[in-house]
């Protein structure tokens, strides 16, 4: 996905942090949780997952659960970025099994 610089600039110019809204010619709008779900694909049902794990253990956990380690985790803050997840997991390998394809969709 290539960001549209002029669109981003227009939105930044119209953002009002005091009300957390965009002021557009058609009116005032805000970003909702539903918008975030639609754009990110993250589930919002159920309990949030918050754990206190030492940073050095994040790499091992990611490797065990995801099969790979985000670059951001190596010697840095324990964060798994949505962009990294999308790049790494948005496509199926050509030799994917039926079970993998079922789980993916």
N, C-alpha and C. Protein backbone atom coordinates (compact mmCIF):
# COMPACT_ATOMS: atom_id res chain seq x y z
N UNK A 1 0.85 -1.18 0.00
CA UNK A 1 0.00 0.00 0.00
C UNK A 1 0.89 1.24 0.00
N UNK A 2 0.66 2.11 -0.94
CA UNK A 2 1.42 3.36 -1.03
C UNK A 2 0.59 4.49 -0.45
N UNK A 3 1.11 5.16 0.58
CA UNK A 3 0.36 6.27 1.16
C UNK A 3 0.27 7.44 0.19
N UNK A 4 -0.86 8.10 0.20
CA UNK A 4 -1.10 9.27 -0.64
C UNK A 4 -0.70 10.51 0.17
N UNK A 5 0.44 11.10 -0.17
CA UNK A 5 0.98 12.22 0.61
C UNK A 5 0.03 13.41 0.66
N UNK A 6 -0.63 13.71 -0.44
CA UNK A 6 -1.54 14.87 -0.43
C UNK A 6 -2.77 14.60 0.44
N UNK A 7 -3.25 13.36 0.45
CA UNK A 7 -4.38 13.01 1.31
C UNK A 7 -3.97 13.11 2.78
N UNK A 8 -2.81 12.58 3.11
CA UNK A 8 -2.33 12.64 4.49
C UNK A 8 -2.16 14.09 4.92
N UNK A 9 -1.59 14.91 4.06
CA UNK A 9 -1.40 16.32 4.38
C UNK A 9 -2.75 17.01 4.62
N UNK A 10 -3.72 16.73 3.76
CA UNK A 10 -5.05 17.33 3.92
C UNK A 10 -5.69 16.91 5.24
N UNK A 11 -5.55 15.64 5.60
CA UNK A 11 -6.12 15.18 6.87
C UNK A 11 -5.41 15.80 8.07
N UNK A 12 -4.10 15.88 8.00
CA UNK A 12 -3.34 16.49 9.11
C UNK A 12 -3.77 17.94 9.30
N UNK A 13 -3.95 18.67 8.21
CA UNK A 13 -4.37 20.07 8.30
C UNK A 13 -5.77 20.23 8.89
N UNK A 14 -6.59 19.21 8.74
CA UNK A 14 -7.98 19.31 9.21
C UNK A 14 -8.22 18.64 10.57
N UNK A 15 -7.18 18.04 11.15
CA UNK A 15 -7.31 17.36 12.45
C UNK A 15 -7.36 18.38 13.57
N UNK A 16 -8.28 18.20 14.49
CA UNK A 16 -8.42 19.06 15.66
C UNK A 16 -8.21 18.20 16.91
N UNK A 17 -7.01 18.26 17.49
CA UNK A 17 -6.70 17.39 18.64
C UNK A 17 -7.56 17.67 19.87
N UNK A 18 -8.03 18.89 20.02
CA UNK A 18 -8.85 19.21 21.20
C UNK A 18 -10.18 18.46 21.19
N UNK A 19 -10.67 18.08 20.01
CA UNK A 19 -11.93 17.34 19.93
C UNK A 19 -11.75 15.95 19.32
N UNK A 20 -10.53 15.61 18.91
CA UNK A 20 -10.23 14.33 18.25
C UNK A 20 -11.12 14.10 17.05
N UNK A 21 -11.27 15.14 16.23
CA UNK A 21 -12.11 15.05 15.04
C UNK A 21 -11.41 15.69 13.85
N UNK A 22 -11.89 15.34 12.66
CA UNK A 22 -11.47 16.01 11.44
C UNK A 22 -12.56 17.01 11.08
N UNK A 23 -12.16 18.22 10.69
CA UNK A 23 -13.11 19.24 10.25
C UNK A 23 -13.04 19.30 8.73
N UNK A 24 -14.07 18.75 8.08
CA UNK A 24 -14.13 18.67 6.63
C UNK A 24 -15.25 19.55 6.10
N UNK A 25 -15.23 19.84 4.80
CA UNK A 25 -16.32 20.65 4.22
C UNK A 25 -17.70 20.05 4.46
N UNK A 26 -17.79 18.73 4.55
CA UNK A 26 -19.10 18.09 4.75
C UNK A 26 -19.50 18.03 6.22
N UNK A 27 -18.60 18.39 7.12
CA UNK A 27 -18.91 18.37 8.54
C UNK A 27 -17.75 17.83 9.37
N UNK A 28 -18.06 17.52 10.60
CA UNK A 28 -17.05 17.04 11.56
C UNK A 28 -17.14 15.52 11.64
N UNK A 29 -16.00 14.83 11.52
CA UNK A 29 -16.00 13.37 11.62
C UNK A 29 -14.89 12.93 12.58
N UNK A 30 -15.03 11.72 13.09
CA UNK A 30 -14.02 11.16 13.97
C UNK A 30 -13.76 9.71 13.56
N UNK A 31 -12.66 9.16 14.01
CA UNK A 31 -12.32 7.77 13.75
C UNK A 31 -12.91 6.94 14.89
N UNK A 32 -13.69 5.94 14.55
CA UNK A 32 -14.33 5.09 15.55
C UNK A 32 -13.58 3.77 15.69
N UNK A 33 -13.92 3.03 16.73
CA UNK A 33 -13.33 1.71 16.92
C UNK A 33 -13.69 0.80 15.74
N UNK A 34 -14.89 0.95 15.22
CA UNK A 34 -15.30 0.16 14.05
C UNK A 34 -14.40 0.47 12.84
N UNK A 35 -14.00 1.74 12.68
CA UNK A 35 -13.09 2.10 11.60
C UNK A 35 -11.74 1.40 11.77
N UNK A 36 -11.24 1.37 12.99
CA UNK A 36 -9.96 0.72 13.29
C UNK A 36 -10.06 -0.77 12.97
N UNK A 37 -11.17 -1.40 13.35
CA UNK A 37 -11.37 -2.83 13.08
C UNK A 37 -11.38 -3.07 11.57
N UNK A 38 -12.08 -2.24 10.83
CA UNK A 38 -12.17 -2.41 9.39
C UNK A 38 -10.81 -2.25 8.73
N UNK A 39 -10.04 -1.26 9.15
CA UNK A 39 -8.74 -0.99 8.54
C UNK A 39 -7.67 -1.98 8.96
N UNK A 40 -7.70 -2.43 10.21
CA UNK A 40 -6.63 -3.28 10.72
C UNK A 40 -6.96 -4.76 10.71
N UNK A 41 -8.25 -5.08 10.72
CA UNK A 41 -8.65 -6.48 10.78
C UNK A 41 -8.53 -7.09 12.16
N UNK A 42 -8.27 -6.27 13.17
CA UNK A 42 -8.15 -6.78 14.53
C UNK A 42 -9.53 -7.06 15.13
N UNK A 43 -9.60 -8.12 15.91
CA UNK A 43 -10.85 -8.44 16.60
C UNK A 43 -10.97 -7.57 17.85
N UNK A 44 -12.19 -7.17 18.18
CA UNK A 44 -12.39 -6.35 19.37
C UNK A 44 -13.27 -7.04 20.39
N UNK A 45 -13.67 -8.28 20.10
CA UNK A 45 -14.50 -9.02 21.03
C UNK A 45 -13.62 -9.72 22.07
N UNK A 46 -14.12 -9.83 23.28
CA UNK A 46 -13.40 -10.55 24.33
C UNK A 46 -12.49 -9.66 25.14
N UNK A 47 -11.75 -10.30 26.02
CA UNK A 47 -10.85 -9.57 26.91
C UNK A 47 -9.57 -9.17 26.19
N UNK A 48 -8.99 -8.06 26.61
CA UNK A 48 -7.70 -7.66 26.07
C UNK A 48 -6.62 -8.53 26.69
N UNK A 49 -5.53 -8.64 25.98
CA UNK A 49 -4.41 -9.45 26.45
C UNK A 49 -3.27 -8.52 26.82
N UNK A 50 -2.98 -8.46 28.10
CA UNK A 50 -1.89 -7.64 28.59
C UNK A 50 -1.07 -8.52 29.53
N UNK A 51 0.19 -8.66 29.21
CA UNK A 51 1.05 -9.50 30.03
C UNK A 51 2.35 -8.77 30.34
N UNK A 52 2.95 -9.14 31.44
CA UNK A 52 4.23 -8.55 31.83
C UNK A 52 5.31 -9.59 31.60
N UNK A 53 5.95 -9.50 30.44
CA UNK A 53 6.98 -10.45 30.05
C UNK A 53 8.26 -9.65 29.79
N UNK A 54 9.37 -10.11 30.34
CA UNK A 54 10.63 -9.41 30.07
C UNK A 54 10.91 -9.35 28.57
N UNK A 55 11.46 -8.24 28.11
CA UNK A 55 11.71 -8.03 26.68
C UNK A 55 12.48 -9.17 26.03
N UNK A 56 13.46 -9.72 26.73
CA UNK A 56 14.29 -10.76 26.13
C UNK A 56 13.50 -12.05 25.85
N UNK A 57 12.35 -12.23 26.50
CA UNK A 57 11.54 -13.42 26.26
C UNK A 57 10.59 -13.25 25.08
N UNK A 58 10.35 -12.00 24.64
CA UNK A 58 9.43 -11.76 23.53
C UNK A 58 9.88 -12.45 22.25
N UNK A 59 11.17 -12.42 21.97
CA UNK A 59 11.67 -13.06 20.75
C UNK A 59 11.34 -14.54 20.74
N UNK A 60 11.58 -15.21 21.84
CA UNK A 60 11.31 -16.64 21.93
C UNK A 60 9.81 -16.92 21.80
N UNK A 61 8.97 -16.08 22.40
CA UNK A 61 7.52 -16.26 22.32
C UNK A 61 7.05 -16.06 20.88
N UNK A 62 7.53 -15.01 20.23
CA UNK A 62 7.13 -14.77 18.84
C UNK A 62 7.58 -15.91 17.94
N UNK A 63 8.78 -16.39 18.15
CA UNK A 63 9.28 -17.49 17.33
C UNK A 63 8.41 -18.74 17.52
N UNK A 64 8.03 -19.02 18.75
CA UNK A 64 7.21 -20.20 19.04
C UNK A 64 5.80 -20.05 18.47
N UNK A 65 5.18 -18.87 18.63
CA UNK A 65 3.79 -18.69 18.21
C UNK A 65 3.63 -18.31 16.73
N UNK A 66 4.58 -17.53 16.21
CA UNK A 66 4.45 -17.02 14.85
C UNK A 66 5.40 -17.68 13.85
N UNK A 67 6.42 -18.34 14.38
CA UNK A 67 7.39 -18.97 13.50
C UNK A 67 8.48 -18.05 13.01
N UNK A 68 8.45 -16.81 13.43
CA UNK A 68 9.48 -15.83 13.08
C UNK A 68 9.47 -14.69 14.08
N UNK A 69 10.52 -13.88 14.05
CA UNK A 69 10.67 -12.80 15.03
C UNK A 69 10.70 -11.46 14.30
N UNK A 70 9.85 -10.52 14.70
CA UNK A 70 9.91 -9.17 14.10
C UNK A 70 11.24 -8.51 14.40
N UNK A 71 11.74 -7.76 13.45
CA UNK A 71 13.01 -7.05 13.65
C UNK A 71 12.91 -6.12 14.85
N UNK A 72 11.73 -5.52 15.05
CA UNK A 72 11.53 -4.57 16.15
C UNK A 72 11.79 -5.19 17.52
N UNK A 73 11.71 -6.51 17.62
CA UNK A 73 11.89 -7.15 18.91
C UNK A 73 13.34 -7.41 19.26
N UNK A 74 14.19 -7.44 18.27
CA UNK A 74 15.59 -7.77 18.52
C UNK A 74 16.29 -6.58 19.17
N UNK A 75 16.59 -6.71 20.44
CA UNK A 75 17.29 -5.66 21.18
C UNK A 75 16.51 -4.38 21.31
N UNK A 76 15.21 -4.45 21.20
CA UNK A 76 14.41 -3.23 21.28
C UNK A 76 13.18 -3.41 22.11
N UNK A 77 12.22 -2.57 21.87
CA UNK A 77 10.97 -2.60 22.60
C UNK A 77 10.15 -3.80 22.15
N UNK A 78 9.45 -4.40 23.07
CA UNK A 78 8.63 -5.58 22.77
C UNK A 78 7.32 -5.16 22.13
N UNK A 79 7.35 -4.96 20.81
CA UNK A 79 6.18 -4.52 20.06
C UNK A 79 6.10 -5.35 18.78
N UNK A 80 4.91 -5.84 18.48
CA UNK A 80 4.67 -6.49 17.20
C UNK A 80 3.77 -5.55 16.42
N UNK A 81 4.30 -4.98 15.37
CA UNK A 81 3.56 -3.99 14.60
C UNK A 81 2.59 -4.65 13.63
N UNK A 82 1.42 -4.04 13.45
CA UNK A 82 0.41 -4.56 12.55
C UNK A 82 0.95 -4.62 11.12
N UNK A 83 1.72 -3.61 10.74
CA UNK A 83 2.29 -3.60 9.39
C UNK A 83 3.15 -4.83 9.17
N UNK A 84 3.97 -5.20 10.15
CA UNK A 84 4.82 -6.38 10.03
C UNK A 84 3.96 -7.64 9.90
N UNK A 85 2.93 -7.75 10.73
CA UNK A 85 2.04 -8.91 10.65
C UNK A 85 1.39 -9.01 9.27
N UNK A 86 0.94 -7.89 8.74
CA UNK A 86 0.29 -7.89 7.43
C UNK A 86 1.27 -8.33 6.35
N UNK A 87 2.47 -7.80 6.37
CA UNK A 87 3.47 -8.15 5.36
C UNK A 87 3.84 -9.63 5.46
N UNK A 88 4.04 -10.10 6.66
CA UNK A 88 4.50 -11.47 6.86
C UNK A 88 3.42 -12.53 6.66
N UNK A 89 2.17 -12.19 6.96
CA UNK A 89 1.13 -13.22 7.01
C UNK A 89 -0.07 -12.96 6.11
N UNK A 90 -0.01 -11.99 5.23
CA UNK A 90 -1.19 -11.71 4.40
C UNK A 90 -1.27 -12.57 3.15
N UNK A 91 -0.28 -13.39 2.91
CA UNK A 91 -0.31 -14.25 1.73
C UNK A 91 -0.06 -15.70 2.15
N UNK A 92 -0.58 -16.61 1.34
CA UNK A 92 -0.38 -18.03 1.59
C UNK A 92 0.76 -18.56 0.72
N UNK A 93 1.57 -19.45 1.27
CA UNK A 93 2.58 -20.09 0.43
C UNK A 93 1.90 -20.94 -0.65
N UNK A 94 2.54 -21.11 -1.79
CA UNK A 94 1.94 -21.89 -2.87
C UNK A 94 1.69 -23.33 -2.47
N UNK A 95 2.50 -23.86 -1.54
CA UNK A 95 2.35 -25.25 -1.12
C UNK A 95 1.55 -25.39 0.17
N UNK A 96 0.70 -24.41 0.47
CA UNK A 96 -0.09 -24.44 1.71
C UNK A 96 -1.05 -25.62 1.71
N UNK A 97 -1.15 -26.26 2.86
CA UNK A 97 -2.08 -27.40 3.01
C UNK A 97 -3.51 -26.88 3.12
N UNK A 98 -4.46 -27.80 2.98
CA UNK A 98 -5.88 -27.44 3.12
C UNK A 98 -6.14 -26.86 4.51
N UNK A 99 -5.50 -27.41 5.53
CA UNK A 99 -5.70 -26.94 6.91
C UNK A 99 -5.19 -25.51 7.07
N UNK A 100 -4.03 -25.22 6.49
CA UNK A 100 -3.48 -23.86 6.55
C UNK A 100 -4.41 -22.88 5.82
N UNK A 101 -4.91 -23.28 4.64
CA UNK A 101 -5.81 -22.41 3.89
C UNK A 101 -7.11 -22.17 4.66
N UNK A 102 -7.63 -23.21 5.31
CA UNK A 102 -8.85 -23.07 6.10
C UNK A 102 -8.64 -22.09 7.25
N UNK A 103 -7.51 -22.20 7.93
CA UNK A 103 -7.21 -21.32 9.06
C UNK A 103 -6.97 -19.89 8.59
N UNK A 104 -6.46 -19.72 7.38
CA UNK A 104 -6.14 -18.39 6.87
C UNK A 104 -7.39 -17.61 6.51
N UNK A 105 -8.41 -18.29 6.05
CA UNK A 105 -9.64 -17.62 5.64
C UNK A 105 -10.69 -17.98 6.59
